[in-house]
Amino acid sequence: MMIVTIICLVTGAVFLWRGDFNAAFVVAVVGLVTWFLRYRSQARESLAAQDNGQGNDQESGYNSDQD
């Protein structure tokens, strides 16, 4: 998805340079949506990894709050 975001950025800049503001806006919105979806999927994966790590600690009987 990062490649799509970069392509949208470059394409939007070209449209803006040529004076086609409507197309530049549409491409910019598509680029923002792809960036947001990429960020969201990374956050989901990170949270899932944290949940899996905490679940394994609790199953083994290890509690990090105890001294």
N, C-alpha and C. Protein backbone atom coordinates (compact mmCIF):
# COMPACT_ATOMS: atom_id res chain seq x y z
N MET A 1 0.81 -1.20 0.00
CA MET A 1 0.00 0.00 0.00
C MET A 1 0.85 1.26 0.00
N MET A 2 2.07 1.16 0.51
CA MET A 2 2.93 2.33 0.52
C MET A 2 3.25 2.77 -0.90
N ILE A 3 3.39 1.81 -1.80
CA ILE A 3 3.69 2.15 -3.20
C ILE A 3 2.52 2.93 -3.81
N VAL A 4 1.31 2.52 -3.51
CA VAL A 4 0.12 3.22 -4.03
C VAL A 4 0.07 4.64 -3.49
N THR A 5 0.42 4.82 -2.23
CA THR A 5 0.42 6.15 -1.63
C THR A 5 1.45 7.05 -2.33
N ILE A 6 2.62 6.52 -2.58
CA ILE A 6 3.66 7.30 -3.26
C ILE A 6 3.26 7.63 -4.69
N ILE A 7 2.67 6.66 -5.39
CA ILE A 7 2.21 6.91 -6.76
C ILE A 7 1.14 8.00 -6.77
N CYS A 8 0.23 7.95 -5.81
CA CYS A 8 -0.82 8.99 -5.73
C CYS A 8 -0.21 10.36 -5.45
N LEU A 9 0.80 10.40 -4.60
CA LEU A 9 1.46 11.67 -4.30
C LEU A 9 2.11 12.26 -5.54
N VAL A 10 2.82 11.44 -6.28
CA VAL A 10 3.49 11.92 -7.50
C VAL A 10 2.46 12.32 -8.56
N THR A 11 1.45 11.49 -8.74
CA THR A 11 0.41 11.79 -9.73
C THR A 11 -0.34 13.07 -9.37
N GLY A 12 -0.65 13.24 -8.10
CA GLY A 12 -1.31 14.47 -7.66
C GLY A 12 -0.47 15.70 -7.90
N ALA A 13 0.84 15.57 -7.67
CA ALA A 13 1.74 16.70 -7.92
C ALA A 13 1.77 17.05 -9.41
N VAL A 14 1.77 16.03 -10.26
CA VAL A 14 1.76 16.29 -11.71
C VAL A 14 0.47 16.98 -12.12
N PHE A 15 -0.66 16.50 -11.62
CA PHE A 15 -1.94 17.14 -11.95
C PHE A 15 -1.99 18.58 -11.43
N LEU A 16 -1.45 18.80 -10.25
CA LEU A 16 -1.43 20.15 -9.68
C LEU A 16 -0.53 21.06 -10.52
N TRP A 17 0.60 20.56 -10.96
CA TRP A 17 1.52 21.32 -11.79
C TRP A 17 0.89 21.69 -13.13
N ARG A 18 0.07 20.76 -13.68
CA ARG A 18 -0.58 21.02 -14.97
C ARG A 18 -1.83 21.88 -14.82
N GLY A 19 -2.25 22.15 -13.58
CA GLY A 19 -3.40 23.01 -13.35
C GLY A 19 -4.73 22.29 -13.31
N ASP A 20 -4.71 20.96 -13.26
CA ASP A 20 -5.95 20.18 -13.18
C ASP A 20 -6.26 19.91 -11.71
N PHE A 21 -6.88 20.90 -11.07
CA PHE A 21 -7.09 20.86 -9.63
C PHE A 21 -8.09 19.79 -9.21
N ASN A 22 -9.10 19.54 -10.03
CA ASN A 22 -10.08 18.51 -9.67
C ASN A 22 -9.44 17.12 -9.62
N ALA A 23 -8.66 16.80 -10.62
CA ALA A 23 -7.99 15.50 -10.65
C ALA A 23 -6.96 15.41 -9.52
N ALA A 24 -6.27 16.50 -9.24
CA ALA A 24 -5.28 16.51 -8.16
C ALA A 24 -5.97 16.25 -6.82
N PHE A 25 -7.14 16.83 -6.62
CA PHE A 25 -7.89 16.61 -5.38
C PHE A 25 -8.32 15.16 -5.24
N VAL A 26 -8.84 14.58 -6.31
CA VAL A 26 -9.29 13.19 -6.27
C VAL A 26 -8.12 12.25 -5.97
N VAL A 27 -7.01 12.48 -6.64
CA VAL A 27 -5.84 11.63 -6.40
C VAL A 27 -5.32 11.82 -4.98
N ALA A 28 -5.34 13.03 -4.48
CA ALA A 28 -4.90 13.29 -3.11
C ALA A 28 -5.80 12.56 -2.10
N VAL A 29 -7.09 12.55 -2.33
CA VAL A 29 -8.00 11.85 -1.44
C VAL A 29 -7.74 10.34 -1.47
N VAL A 30 -7.53 9.80 -2.65
CA VAL A 30 -7.22 8.37 -2.77
C VAL A 30 -5.91 8.06 -2.04
N GLY A 31 -4.92 8.92 -2.17
CA GLY A 31 -3.65 8.72 -1.48
C GLY A 31 -3.82 8.77 0.03
N LEU A 32 -4.63 9.70 0.52
CA LEU A 32 -4.88 9.78 1.96
C LEU A 32 -5.61 8.54 2.48
N VAL A 33 -6.55 8.05 1.71
CA VAL A 33 -7.29 6.85 2.12
C VAL A 33 -6.37 5.64 2.18
N THR A 34 -5.50 5.49 1.18
CA THR A 34 -4.58 4.35 1.21
C THR A 34 -3.59 4.47 2.37
N TRP A 35 -3.12 5.70 2.65
CA TRP A 35 -2.22 5.89 3.79
C TRP A 35 -2.93 5.54 5.09
N PHE A 36 -4.17 6.00 5.25
CA PHE A 36 -4.93 5.72 6.47
C PHE A 36 -5.16 4.22 6.64
N LEU A 37 -5.51 3.53 5.56
CA LEU A 37 -5.73 2.09 5.66
C LEU A 37 -4.44 1.35 6.01
N ARG A 38 -3.32 1.79 5.47
CA ARG A 38 -2.03 1.19 5.81
C ARG A 38 -1.71 1.40 7.29
N TYR A 39 -1.91 2.61 7.77
CA TYR A 39 -1.66 2.94 9.18
C TYR A 39 -2.57 2.12 10.09
N ARG A 40 -3.83 1.99 9.69
CA ARG A 40 -4.81 1.23 10.48
C ARG A 40 -4.42 -0.25 10.55
N SER A 41 -3.99 -0.83 9.44
CA SER A 41 -3.61 -2.24 9.45
C SER A 41 -2.36 -2.46 10.29
N GLN A 42 -1.42 -1.52 10.27
CA GLN A 42 -0.24 -1.64 11.12
C GLN A 42 -0.61 -1.56 12.60
N ALA A 43 -1.53 -0.66 12.93
CA ALA A 43 -1.96 -0.54 14.33
C ALA A 43 -2.68 -1.81 14.77
N ARG A 44 -3.50 -2.38 13.91
CA ARG A 44 -4.19 -3.62 14.23
C ARG A 44 -3.22 -4.76 14.49
N GLU A 45 -2.20 -4.88 13.62
CA GLU A 45 -1.21 -5.93 13.78
C GLU A 45 -0.43 -5.74 15.08
N SER A 46 -0.10 -4.51 15.39
CA SER A 46 0.63 -4.22 16.62
C SER A 46 -0.20 -4.57 17.85
N LEU A 47 -1.46 -4.19 17.84
CA LEU A 47 -2.33 -4.51 18.97
C LEU A 47 -2.56 -6.01 19.10
N ALA A 48 -2.69 -6.70 17.98
CA ALA A 48 -2.86 -8.15 18.02
C ALA A 48 -1.61 -8.82 18.58
N ALA A 49 -0.44 -8.32 18.22
CA ALA A 49 0.80 -8.89 18.74
C ALA A 49 0.92 -8.64 20.24
N GLN A 50 0.51 -7.47 20.69
CA GLN A 50 0.54 -7.18 22.12
C GLN A 50 -0.44 -8.07 22.87
N ASP A 51 -1.63 -8.25 22.33
CA ASP A 51 -2.62 -9.11 22.97
C ASP A 51 -2.13 -10.55 23.05
N ASN A 52 -1.50 -11.03 21.99
CA ASN A 52 -0.97 -12.39 22.00
C ASN A 52 0.15 -12.53 23.01
N GLY A 53 0.99 -11.52 23.14
CA GLY A 53 2.07 -11.55 24.12
C GLY A 53 1.55 -11.55 25.54
N GLN A 54 0.53 -10.77 25.82
CA GLN A 54 -0.05 -10.73 27.16
C GLN A 54 -0.79 -12.01 27.46
N GLY A 55 -1.45 -12.57 26.47
CA GLY A 55 -2.18 -13.82 26.67
C GLY A 55 -1.24 -14.96 27.01
N ASN A 56 -0.07 -14.99 26.39
CA ASN A 56 0.90 -16.04 26.68
C ASN A 56 1.45 -15.90 28.09
N ASP A 57 1.69 -14.67 28.55
CA ASP A 57 2.19 -14.46 29.91
C ASP A 57 1.17 -14.90 30.95
N GLN A 58 -0.09 -14.62 30.70
CA GLN A 58 -1.13 -14.98 31.66
C GLN A 58 -1.34 -16.48 31.71
N GLU A 59 -1.21 -17.14 30.57
CA GLU A 59 -1.39 -18.59 30.56
C GLU A 59 -0.28 -19.32 31.29
N SER A 60 0.92 -18.76 31.27
CA SER A 60 2.04 -19.43 31.92
C SER A 60 2.08 -19.16 33.41
N GLY A 61 1.21 -18.28 33.89
CA GLY A 61 1.17 -17.99 35.31
C GLY A 61 2.09 -16.85 35.71
N TYR A 62 2.75 -16.24 34.76
CA TYR A 62 3.66 -15.13 35.05
C TYR A 62 2.85 -13.87 35.14
N ASN A 63 3.07 -13.12 36.21
CA ASN A 63 2.40 -11.83 36.37
C ASN A 63 3.48 -10.78 36.56
N SER A 64 3.56 -9.84 35.68
CA SER A 64 4.63 -8.83 35.73
C SER A 64 4.41 -7.83 36.86
N ASP A 65 3.22 -7.79 37.46
CA ASP A 65 2.94 -6.86 38.54
C ASP A 65 3.51 -7.35 39.87
N GLN A 66 3.78 -8.63 39.97
CA GLN A 66 4.30 -9.16 41.22
C GLN A 66 5.80 -8.95 41.30
N ASP A 67 6.32 -8.78 42.51
CA ASP A 67 7.77 -8.63 42.70
C ASP A 67 8.45 -9.96 42.83
